[in-house]
Amino acid sequence: MKPYEYGFQVFLLTYCYVMVSGYRTGDFMETAVSRFLMIALGACVGLAVNTCIYPIWAGDDLHNLVAKNFANVATSLEGLLRSLSKLERMVEKLSLFLVKSNP
C-alpha cells in the first residue's frame, strides 16, 4: 500500500466501525446523524494526522509520474513534427514536379 493511502484507510475503518456499532438500532434519524458525524470525525482526524502530525505526500511518486508523462508528450510531439516536416518536403517536391511537368 502506498504511504498516502493511510488517510483513506482511516476513513474506511471509521466507516466500518460506525456501520457495526449502529447495527439494529431503533431510531433511524438519530443513527444516520450519528453515523455521519462519526464518519466526518474520522475523516477530519485522518486529514489532520496526514497533514500536520505525520505528513506523507506523494511527492516523489507524483513527480516521477508527471516527468514521465511530459517526456512521453515531448516524444509524441517530436514524432509529429518530424512527420509534418517530411510531409512538407513531399508537398514541395510534388509541386516542383507539377511545375516542371506542365510547361
N, C-alpha and C. Protein backbone atom coordinates (compact mmCIF):
# COMPACT_ATOMS: atom_id res chain seq x y z
N MET A 1 0.85 -1.18 0.00
CA MET A 1 0.00 0.00 0.00
C MET A 1 0.89 1.24 0.00
N LYS A 2 0.52 2.21 -0.80
CA LYS A 2 1.28 3.46 -0.88
C LYS A 2 1.10 4.24 0.42
N PRO A 3 2.12 5.01 0.81
CA PRO A 3 2.05 5.75 2.08
C PRO A 3 0.92 6.76 2.14
N TYR A 4 0.52 7.33 1.01
CA TYR A 4 -0.52 8.35 1.05
C TYR A 4 -1.92 7.77 1.05
N GLU A 5 -2.05 6.45 1.12
CA GLU A 5 -3.37 5.83 1.19
C GLU A 5 -3.82 5.59 2.64
N TYR A 6 -3.00 5.94 3.62
CA TYR A 6 -3.37 5.71 5.00
C TYR A 6 -4.57 6.56 5.43
N GLY A 7 -4.69 7.76 4.90
CA GLY A 7 -5.85 8.59 5.22
C GLY A 7 -7.14 7.93 4.79
N PHE A 8 -7.13 7.34 3.60
CA PHE A 8 -8.32 6.63 3.13
C PHE A 8 -8.60 5.42 4.02
N GLN A 9 -7.55 4.74 4.45
CA GLN A 9 -7.73 3.58 5.31
C GLN A 9 -8.37 3.98 6.64
N VAL A 10 -7.93 5.09 7.22
CA VAL A 10 -8.53 5.57 8.47
C VAL A 10 -10.00 5.90 8.25
N PHE A 11 -10.30 6.57 7.14
CA PHE A 11 -11.69 6.91 6.83
C PHE A 11 -12.53 5.64 6.67
N LEU A 12 -12.01 4.66 5.97
CA LEU A 12 -12.74 3.42 5.73
C LEU A 12 -12.95 2.64 7.03
N LEU A 13 -11.92 2.60 7.88
CA LEU A 13 -12.08 1.90 9.16
C LEU A 13 -13.10 2.59 10.05
N THR A 14 -13.13 3.91 10.02
CA THR A 14 -14.13 4.65 10.79
C THR A 14 -15.53 4.32 10.28
N TYR A 15 -15.69 4.28 8.97
CA TYR A 15 -16.99 3.94 8.39
C TYR A 15 -17.42 2.53 8.82
N CYS A 16 -16.50 1.58 8.77
CA CYS A 16 -16.83 0.21 9.18
C CYS A 16 -17.20 0.15 10.66
N TYR A 17 -16.49 0.89 11.48
CA TYR A 17 -16.80 0.92 12.91
C TYR A 17 -18.21 1.47 13.15
N VAL A 18 -18.56 2.51 12.44
CA VAL A 18 -19.88 3.11 12.61
C VAL A 18 -20.96 2.16 12.11
N MET A 19 -20.70 1.47 11.01
CA MET A 19 -21.69 0.52 10.49
C MET A 19 -21.95 -0.61 11.49
N VAL A 20 -20.89 -1.12 12.10
CA VAL A 20 -21.05 -2.23 13.04
C VAL A 20 -21.70 -1.75 14.33
N SER A 21 -21.30 -0.58 14.80
CA SER A 21 -21.83 -0.10 16.08
C SER A 21 -23.29 0.33 15.98
N GLY A 22 -23.74 0.72 14.81
CA GLY A 22 -25.11 1.19 14.66
C GLY A 22 -26.07 0.13 14.17
N TYR A 23 -25.65 -1.10 14.16
CA TYR A 23 -26.49 -2.18 13.66
C TYR A 23 -27.66 -2.46 14.60
N ARG A 24 -28.85 -2.53 14.06
CA ARG A 24 -30.10 -2.85 14.78
C ARG A 24 -30.45 -1.82 15.85
N THR A 25 -30.36 -0.57 15.51
CA THR A 25 -30.85 0.46 16.44
C THR A 25 -32.25 0.85 16.02
N GLY A 26 -33.01 1.40 16.95
CA GLY A 26 -34.41 1.69 16.70
C GLY A 26 -34.65 2.99 15.96
N ASP A 27 -33.99 4.07 16.31
CA ASP A 27 -34.26 5.38 15.74
C ASP A 27 -33.38 5.61 14.51
N PHE A 28 -34.03 5.70 13.34
CA PHE A 28 -33.29 5.81 12.09
C PHE A 28 -32.54 7.14 11.96
N MET A 29 -33.21 8.26 12.21
CA MET A 29 -32.58 9.57 12.03
C MET A 29 -31.42 9.78 13.00
N GLU A 30 -31.61 9.38 14.23
CA GLU A 30 -30.53 9.52 15.20
C GLU A 30 -29.31 8.69 14.79
N THR A 31 -29.56 7.49 14.29
CA THR A 31 -28.47 6.63 13.83
C THR A 31 -27.79 7.22 12.61
N ALA A 32 -28.57 7.76 11.68
CA ALA A 32 -28.00 8.35 10.47
C ALA A 32 -27.13 9.56 10.81
N VAL A 33 -27.62 10.43 11.69
CA VAL A 33 -26.84 11.61 12.08
C VAL A 33 -25.59 11.18 12.84
N SER A 34 -25.73 10.23 13.71
CA SER A 34 -24.58 9.73 14.47
C SER A 34 -23.53 9.13 13.54
N ARG A 35 -23.97 8.36 12.56
CA ARG A 35 -23.03 7.77 11.60
C ARG A 35 -22.33 8.86 10.79
N PHE A 36 -23.10 9.84 10.33
CA PHE A 36 -22.49 10.92 9.54
C PHE A 36 -21.45 11.67 10.36
N LEU A 37 -21.77 11.97 11.61
CA LEU A 37 -20.82 12.69 12.46
C LEU A 37 -19.57 11.86 12.75
N MET A 38 -19.74 10.57 12.96
CA MET A 38 -18.58 9.71 13.19
C MET A 38 -17.70 9.61 11.96
N ILE A 39 -18.31 9.54 10.79
CA ILE A 39 -17.54 9.49 9.55
C ILE A 39 -16.81 10.81 9.34
N ALA A 40 -17.48 11.93 9.58
CA ALA A 40 -16.84 13.23 9.44
C ALA A 40 -15.70 13.39 10.43
N LEU A 41 -15.90 12.91 11.66
CA LEU A 41 -14.84 12.97 12.67
C LEU A 41 -13.64 12.13 12.25
N GLY A 42 -13.89 10.94 11.75
CA GLY A 42 -12.79 10.08 11.27
C GLY A 42 -12.05 10.69 10.10
N ALA A 43 -12.79 11.31 9.17
CA ALA A 43 -12.15 11.96 8.03
C ALA A 43 -11.30 13.14 8.50
N CYS A 44 -11.81 13.92 9.46
CA CYS A 44 -11.05 15.06 9.98
C CYS A 44 -9.78 14.61 10.70
N VAL A 45 -9.92 13.54 11.50
CA VAL A 45 -8.75 13.01 12.20
C VAL A 45 -7.72 12.50 11.20
N GLY A 46 -8.16 11.76 10.21
CA GLY A 46 -7.24 11.26 9.19
C GLY A 46 -6.57 12.39 8.43
N LEU A 47 -7.32 13.42 8.09
CA LEU A 47 -6.75 14.56 7.38
C LEU A 47 -5.76 15.32 8.25
N ALA A 48 -6.11 15.51 9.52
CA ALA A 48 -5.21 16.22 10.43
C ALA A 48 -3.92 15.45 10.65
N VAL A 49 -4.02 14.16 10.81
CA VAL A 49 -2.82 13.34 11.02
C VAL A 49 -1.94 13.37 9.78
N ASN A 50 -2.54 13.24 8.59
CA ASN A 50 -1.75 13.20 7.36
C ASN A 50 -1.19 14.55 6.95
N THR A 51 -1.74 15.63 7.44
CA THR A 51 -1.21 16.94 7.07
C THR A 51 -0.36 17.58 8.14
N CYS A 52 -0.69 17.37 9.40
CA CYS A 52 0.02 18.08 10.48
C CYS A 52 0.98 17.19 11.26
N ILE A 53 0.54 16.05 11.70
CA ILE A 53 1.34 15.24 12.60
C ILE A 53 2.36 14.39 11.85
N TYR A 54 1.92 13.67 10.85
CA TYR A 54 2.80 12.78 10.10
C TYR A 54 2.54 12.97 8.61
N PRO A 55 3.05 14.08 8.05
CA PRO A 55 2.74 14.36 6.65
C PRO A 55 3.46 13.42 5.70
N ILE A 56 2.68 12.69 4.96
CA ILE A 56 3.21 11.80 3.93
C ILE A 56 2.58 12.24 2.61
N TRP A 57 3.39 12.69 1.70
CA TRP A 57 2.89 13.15 0.42
C TRP A 57 3.37 12.22 -0.68
N ALA A 58 2.74 12.32 -1.79
CA ALA A 58 3.11 11.51 -2.95
C ALA A 58 4.17 12.24 -3.76
N GLY A 59 5.03 13.01 -3.13
CA GLY A 59 5.97 13.88 -3.82
C GLY A 59 6.81 13.20 -4.87
N ASP A 60 7.59 12.20 -4.49
CA ASP A 60 8.48 11.56 -5.44
C ASP A 60 7.70 10.76 -6.48
N ASP A 61 6.69 10.03 -6.05
CA ASP A 61 5.89 9.26 -6.99
C ASP A 61 5.18 10.18 -7.98
N LEU A 62 4.58 11.23 -7.45
CA LEU A 62 3.87 12.17 -8.31
C LEU A 62 4.83 12.87 -9.27
N HIS A 63 6.00 13.28 -8.76
CA HIS A 63 6.98 13.95 -9.61
C HIS A 63 7.46 13.03 -10.72
N ASN A 64 7.77 11.79 -10.39
CA ASN A 64 8.24 10.84 -11.40
C ASN A 64 7.17 10.56 -12.45
N LEU A 65 5.92 10.45 -12.02
CA LEU A 65 4.83 10.20 -12.96
C LEU A 65 4.62 11.38 -13.90
N VAL A 66 4.64 12.59 -13.35
CA VAL A 66 4.46 13.78 -14.19
C VAL A 66 5.63 13.93 -15.16
N ALA A 67 6.86 13.70 -14.68
CA ALA A 67 8.03 13.80 -15.56
C ALA A 67 7.96 12.77 -16.68
N LYS A 68 7.54 11.55 -16.36
CA LYS A 68 7.41 10.50 -17.37
C LYS A 68 6.35 10.89 -18.41
N ASN A 69 5.21 11.42 -17.95
CA ASN A 69 4.15 11.82 -18.87
C ASN A 69 4.59 12.96 -19.76
N PHE A 70 5.32 13.94 -19.19
CA PHE A 70 5.81 15.03 -20.02
C PHE A 70 6.83 14.53 -21.04
N ALA A 71 7.66 13.58 -20.66
CA ALA A 71 8.62 13.01 -21.61
C ALA A 71 7.89 12.30 -22.74
N ASN A 72 6.81 11.57 -22.42
CA ASN A 72 6.03 10.90 -23.46
C ASN A 72 5.35 11.91 -24.38
N VAL A 73 4.85 12.99 -23.83
CA VAL A 73 4.23 14.03 -24.66
C VAL A 73 5.28 14.67 -25.57
N ALA A 74 6.46 14.94 -25.02
CA ALA A 74 7.53 15.54 -25.83
C ALA A 74 7.94 14.61 -26.96
N THR A 75 8.04 13.31 -26.68
CA THR A 75 8.39 12.34 -27.72
C THR A 75 7.32 12.30 -28.81
N SER A 76 6.07 12.34 -28.41
CA SER A 76 4.98 12.34 -29.39
C SER A 76 5.02 13.59 -30.25
N LEU A 77 5.25 14.74 -29.63
CA LEU A 77 5.31 15.99 -30.40
C LEU A 77 6.50 16.00 -31.35
N GLU A 78 7.63 15.46 -30.93
CA GLU A 78 8.79 15.39 -31.82
C GLU A 78 8.49 14.50 -33.03
N GLY A 79 7.84 13.37 -32.79
CA GLY A 79 7.45 12.50 -33.89
C GLY A 79 6.47 13.18 -34.84
N LEU A 80 5.54 13.93 -34.28
CA LEU A 80 4.58 14.66 -35.10
C LEU A 80 5.28 15.71 -35.95
N LEU A 81 6.20 16.44 -35.35
CA LEU A 81 6.93 17.46 -36.10
C LEU A 81 7.78 16.85 -37.20
N ARG A 82 8.40 15.69 -36.92
CA ARG A 82 9.17 15.01 -37.97
C ARG A 82 8.26 14.60 -39.12
N SER A 83 7.09 14.07 -38.80
CA SER A 83 6.14 13.67 -39.84
C SER A 83 5.68 14.87 -40.65
N LEU A 84 5.42 15.98 -39.97
CA LEU A 84 4.98 17.17 -40.69
C LEU A 84 6.08 17.73 -41.59
N SER A 85 7.32 17.68 -41.12
CA SER A 85 8.41 18.18 -41.96
C SER A 85 8.60 17.28 -43.17
N LYS A 86 8.45 15.96 -43.01
CA LYS A 86 8.53 15.05 -44.16
C LYS A 86 7.39 15.33 -45.14
N LEU A 87 6.20 15.58 -44.59
CA LEU A 87 5.05 15.87 -45.44
C LEU A 87 5.26 17.17 -46.21
N GLU A 88 5.82 18.18 -45.56
CA GLU A 88 6.10 19.45 -46.25
C GLU A 88 7.10 19.24 -47.37
N ARG A 89 8.14 18.45 -47.12
CA ARG A 89 9.12 18.18 -48.19
C ARG A 89 8.48 17.44 -49.35
N MET A 90 7.59 16.49 -49.05
CA MET A 90 6.90 15.76 -50.12
C MET A 90 6.01 16.70 -50.93
N VAL A 91 5.33 17.62 -50.26
CA VAL A 91 4.46 18.57 -50.96
C VAL A 91 5.31 19.50 -51.84
N GLU A 92 6.46 19.94 -51.34
CA GLU A 92 7.34 20.80 -52.13
C GLU A 92 7.86 20.06 -53.36
N LYS A 93 8.27 18.79 -53.20
CA LYS A 93 8.75 18.01 -54.34
C LYS A 93 7.63 17.79 -55.35
N LEU A 94 6.43 17.51 -54.85
CA LEU A 94 5.29 17.29 -55.75
C LEU A 94 4.96 18.58 -56.50
N SER A 95 4.99 19.71 -55.82
CA SER A 95 4.68 20.98 -56.50
C SER A 95 5.76 21.32 -57.53
N LEU A 96 7.03 21.05 -57.20
CA LEU A 96 8.10 21.28 -58.19
C LEU A 96 7.95 20.34 -59.38
N PHE A 97 7.58 19.09 -59.13
CA PHE A 97 7.37 18.14 -60.21
C PHE A 97 6.22 18.59 -61.11
N LEU A 98 5.12 19.07 -60.47
CA LEU A 98 3.98 19.51 -61.26
C LEU A 98 4.32 20.75 -62.07
N VAL A 99 5.12 21.65 -61.52
CA VAL A 99 5.52 22.85 -62.25
C VAL A 99 6.39 22.49 -63.43
N LYS A 100 7.31 21.55 -63.23
CA LYS A 100 8.22 21.13 -64.30
C LYS A 100 7.49 20.36 -65.38
N SER A 101 6.50 19.54 -65.03
CA SER A 101 5.81 18.72 -65.99
C SER A 101 4.80 19.53 -66.81
N ASN A 102 4.31 20.63 -66.30
CA ASN A 102 3.36 21.46 -67.04
C ASN A 102 4.06 22.72 -67.53
N PRO A 103 4.44 22.72 -68.82
CA PRO A 103 5.15 23.92 -69.32
C PRO A 103 4.25 25.10 -69.57
